[in-house]
């Protein structure tokens, strides 16, 4: 399996060769804070290989002090990017950074005890295909 991805400004492009073992929607307070959303959507692999295709801008790595929380991002547009964790043994790929279609569905919601109070029954609210007028 091969997946292509990029940041929002397209200054960074990458390829992931191999399969993802798990796909988690993480509701921990760290993931909510660094995504600005209800949860992070990350793919995990211990076997896939990451290849940087285009690196016109710098990739920044942030590790939260005294934690295992790591975020890689484009220094130009701020988009989340793949990173290696656990001394290079674990590849973490933000699902939204992929440009190719992803057939894998999330395996689970994790850290739901930290779920945002407004993240309930979202399927019941109105839905629009575009920005509402």
Protein backbone atom coordinates (compact mmCIF):
# COMPACT_ATOMS: atom_id res chain seq x y z
CA UNK A 1 0.00 0.00 0.00
CA UNK A 2 1.20 3.52 -0.78
CA UNK A 3 -0.26 6.81 0.50
CA UNK A 4 0.64 10.33 -0.60
CA UNK A 5 0.20 13.40 1.57
CA UNK A 6 1.10 17.05 1.98
CA UNK A 7 0.67 20.14 4.09
CA UNK A 8 -1.87 22.85 3.26
CA UNK A 9 0.62 25.14 1.47
CA UNK A 10 2.07 22.15 -0.50
CA UNK A 11 5.60 23.11 0.59
CA UNK A 12 5.97 19.64 2.08
CA UNK A 13 4.93 16.39 0.40
CA UNK A 14 5.45 12.84 1.61
CA UNK A 15 4.83 9.20 0.81
CA UNK A 16 4.00 6.39 3.25
CA UNK A 17 4.79 2.90 1.97
CA UNK A 18 3.11 0.11 3.90
CA UNK A 19 0.03 -0.47 5.99
CA UNK A 20 -1.40 1.22 9.05
CA UNK A 21 -2.16 -1.12 11.95
CA UNK A 22 -4.49 1.23 13.81
CA UNK A 23 -6.50 4.40 13.30
CA UNK A 24 -7.52 6.20 16.48
CA UNK A 25 -9.64 9.27 17.17
CA UNK A 26 -7.98 10.69 20.26
CA UNK A 27 -9.96 12.94 22.62
CA UNK A 28 -7.14 13.63 25.12
CA UNK A 29 -6.72 17.25 26.14
CA UNK A 30 -3.34 17.45 24.34
CA UNK A 31 -4.79 16.31 21.00
CA UNK A 32 -7.81 18.61 21.36
CA UNK A 33 -5.48 21.54 22.11
CA UNK A 34 -3.06 20.94 19.23
CA UNK A 35 -5.82 20.33 16.65
CA UNK A 36 -8.23 22.95 17.94
CA UNK A 37 -10.96 20.37 17.45
CA UNK A 38 -12.89 17.63 19.21
CA UNK A 39 -10.19 15.04 18.56
CA UNK A 40 -7.12 14.15 16.56
CA UNK A 41 -7.42 11.50 13.83
CA UNK A 42 -4.11 9.62 13.65
CA UNK A 43 -2.92 6.52 11.83
CA UNK A 44 -0.25 4.33 13.45
CA UNK A 45 2.24 1.89 11.95
CA UNK A 46 5.24 -0.01 13.23
CA UNK A 47 6.14 -1.31 9.74
CA UNK A 48 5.35 1.45 7.19
CA UNK A 49 8.13 3.65 5.82
CA UNK A 50 7.97 7.44 5.56
CA UNK A 51 9.61 9.17 2.59
CA UNK A 52 9.77 12.96 2.24
CA UNK A 53 9.17 13.87 -1.43
CA UNK A 54 9.27 17.67 -1.18
CA UNK A 55 10.61 19.80 1.69
CA UNK A 56 10.64 23.43 0.55
CA UNK A 57 9.89 24.63 4.09
CA UNK A 58 11.07 23.50 7.50
CA UNK A 59 9.33 20.78 9.46
CA UNK A 60 9.05 21.65 13.13
CA UNK A 61 8.77 19.05 15.88
CA UNK A 62 7.17 19.87 19.22
CA UNK A 63 7.26 17.47 22.15
CA UNK A 64 5.26 18.48 25.19
CA UNK A 65 7.52 18.60 28.24
CA UNK A 66 7.28 15.50 30.45
CA UNK A 67 4.91 13.69 28.07
CA UNK A 68 4.91 11.37 25.05
CA UNK A 69 2.84 13.87 23.08
CA UNK A 70 4.64 14.81 19.83
CA UNK A 71 3.45 16.98 16.97
CA UNK A 72 5.22 17.62 13.66
CA UNK A 73 4.03 20.53 11.55
CA UNK A 74 4.88 22.74 8.58
CA UNK A 75 6.64 25.91 9.72
CA UNK A 76 4.88 27.87 6.96
CA UNK A 77 1.20 26.85 7.18
CA UNK A 78 1.10 24.96 10.50
CA UNK A 79 -0.43 21.79 9.06
CA UNK A 80 0.09 18.61 11.06
CA UNK A 81 2.58 16.19 9.49
CA UNK A 82 3.76 12.60 10.07
CA UNK A 83 6.39 11.93 12.70
CA UNK A 84 8.36 9.07 14.16
CA UNK A 85 7.96 8.30 17.85
CA UNK A 86 9.24 5.73 20.33
CA UNK A 87 12.82 6.05 19.08
CA UNK A 88 11.71 5.65 15.46
CA UNK A 89 9.68 2.48 16.05
CA UNK A 90 6.22 4.10 15.59
CA UNK A 91 5.07 6.16 12.61
CA UNK A 92 2.18 8.51 13.42
CA UNK A 93 0.36 10.06 10.45
CA UNK A 94 -2.42 12.64 10.80
CA UNK A 95 -5.22 11.19 8.66
CA UNK A 96 -6.18 14.62 7.32
CA UNK A 97 -2.69 15.11 5.87
CA UNK A 98 -3.21 12.33 3.33
CA UNK A 99 -4.07 13.28 -0.25
CA UNK A 100 -4.84 9.75 -1.41
CA UNK A 101 -8.07 7.99 -0.51
CA UNK A 102 -7.94 6.09 2.77
CA UNK A 103 -9.95 2.88 2.92
CA UNK A 104 -9.20 2.16 6.58
CA UNK A 105 -11.86 3.23 9.07
CA UNK A 106 -11.08 4.33 12.63
CA UNK A 107 -10.59 1.45 15.07
CA UNK A 108 -11.70 3.36 18.15
CA UNK A 109 -12.20 6.61 20.00
CA UNK A 110 -9.55 6.86 22.73
CA UNK A 111 -9.23 8.98 25.88
CA UNK A 112 -12.97 9.60 25.83
CA UNK A 113 -12.85 10.47 29.54
CA UNK A 114 -11.26 13.75 28.35
CA UNK A 115 -13.89 14.34 25.66
CA UNK A 116 -15.03 17.97 25.19
CA UNK A 117 -18.41 18.73 26.78
CA UNK A 118 -19.76 19.98 23.44
CA UNK A 119 -18.73 16.78 21.63
CA UNK A 120 -22.01 14.90 22.17
CA UNK A 121 -24.79 13.84 19.79
CA UNK A 122 -23.21 15.71 16.88
CA UNK A 123 -25.09 13.57 14.37
CA UNK A 124 -28.29 15.33 15.52
CA UNK A 125 -27.25 18.86 14.46
CA UNK A 126 -27.87 20.37 11.03
CA UNK A 127 -25.51 19.41 8.21
CA UNK A 128 -24.57 21.50 5.14
CA UNK A 129 -22.55 20.43 2.09
CA UNK A 130 -21.00 23.93 1.94
CA UNK A 131 -20.74 27.00 4.15
CA UNK A 132 -24.36 27.92 5.04
CA UNK A 133 -25.77 31.09 3.49
